[in-house]
Amino acid sequence: MLYPSSDALRKNIDSKYSLVSVAAKRARNMQEKGEKGTLNSYYSIKFVGQALEEIAAGHLLMKTPVEGIEYEDEK
């Protein structure tokens, strides 16, 4: 993967496992629900690449879990 670089991605989300999880969920939402991207233009034409570009730009961040709350995607 050339763009965005892994260093740029790791500035916003420190764990590579969390990075994969966030990008996959965002790409799935973009594909299945037809959600529009948050950037004006994208380098990549694929949803995963677009999700990674949003993370690198700081438009997409990971939520920190709150103990005792069951999130919708954990069911």
Protein backbone atom coordinates (compact mmCIF):
# COMPACT_ATOMS: atom_id res chain seq x y z
CA MET A 1 0.00 0.00 0.00
CA LEU A 2 1.55 3.26 -1.09
CA TYR A 3 -1.09 5.82 -0.16
CA PRO A 4 -1.86 6.60 2.56
CA SER A 5 1.32 5.45 4.23
CA SER A 6 1.16 3.26 7.29
CA ASP A 7 2.95 5.98 9.28
CA ALA A 8 0.22 8.51 8.45
CA LEU A 9 -2.45 6.02 9.47
CA ARG A 10 -0.77 5.09 12.75
CA LYS A 11 -0.71 8.75 13.84
CA ASN A 12 -4.49 8.70 14.25
CA ILE A 13 -5.04 5.08 15.34
CA ASP A 14 -2.11 3.55 17.19
CA SER A 15 -2.99 -0.15 16.93
CA LYS A 16 -2.81 -1.84 13.54
CA TYR A 17 -5.59 -4.22 14.61
CA SER A 18 -7.87 -1.33 15.53
CA LEU A 19 -6.95 0.36 12.27
CA VAL A 20 -8.07 -2.68 10.27
CA SER A 21 -11.31 -2.93 12.25
CA VAL A 22 -12.23 0.75 11.83
CA ALA A 23 -11.39 0.77 8.11
CA ALA A 24 -13.36 -2.42 7.47
CA LYS A 25 -16.46 -1.13 9.29
CA ARG A 26 -16.33 2.18 7.45
CA ALA A 27 -15.83 0.50 4.07
CA ARG A 28 -18.77 -1.82 4.77
CA ASN A 29 -21.00 1.15 5.66
CA MET A 30 -19.97 3.00 2.52
CA GLN A 31 -20.70 -0.04 0.34
CA GLU A 32 -23.90 -1.42 1.88
CA LYS A 33 -25.63 1.77 3.01
CA GLY A 34 -24.39 3.98 0.20
CA GLU A 35 -22.92 6.47 2.64
CA LYS A 36 -21.11 9.34 1.02
CA GLY A 37 -17.48 9.96 1.88
CA THR A 38 -16.34 12.83 4.05
CA LEU A 39 -13.55 13.97 1.73
CA ASN A 40 -14.03 16.05 -1.42
CA SER A 41 -12.02 13.69 -3.61
CA TYR A 42 -10.34 10.32 -3.18
CA TYR A 43 -7.20 8.81 -4.63
CA SER A 44 -8.59 5.28 -4.37
CA ILE A 45 -11.69 4.01 -6.13
CA LYS A 46 -12.20 1.13 -3.67
CA PHE A 47 -14.10 1.53 -0.42
CA VAL A 48 -11.32 0.21 1.82
CA GLY A 49 -8.85 2.64 0.28
CA GLN A 50 -11.29 5.51 0.75
CA ALA A 51 -11.80 4.55 4.40
CA LEU A 52 -8.03 4.54 4.92
CA GLU A 53 -7.78 7.98 3.30
CA GLU A 54 -10.43 9.28 5.72
CA ILE A 55 -8.43 7.89 8.66
CA ALA A 56 -5.21 9.51 7.39
CA ALA A 57 -7.00 12.85 6.98
CA GLY A 58 -8.31 12.68 10.56
CA HIS A 59 -11.97 12.52 9.49
CA LEU A 60 -12.45 9.03 10.91
CA LEU A 61 -11.38 8.16 14.44
CA MET A 62 -11.83 5.17 16.70
CA LYS A 63 -14.30 5.41 19.58
CA THR A 64 -12.94 4.35 22.93
CA PRO A 65 -15.24 1.76 24.51
CA VAL A 66 -17.10 2.65 27.69
CA GLU A 67 -17.22 -0.18 30.18
CA GLY A 68 -20.67 -1.57 30.85
CA ILE A 69 -22.19 -0.49 27.53
CA GLU A 70 -23.00 -3.04 24.85
CA TYR A 71 -22.49 -1.54 21.41
CA GLU A 72 -24.64 -2.47 18.42
CA ASP A 73 -21.78 -4.10 16.50
CA GLU A 74 -20.84 -6.32 19.46
CA LYS A 75 -24.13 -8.24 19.52
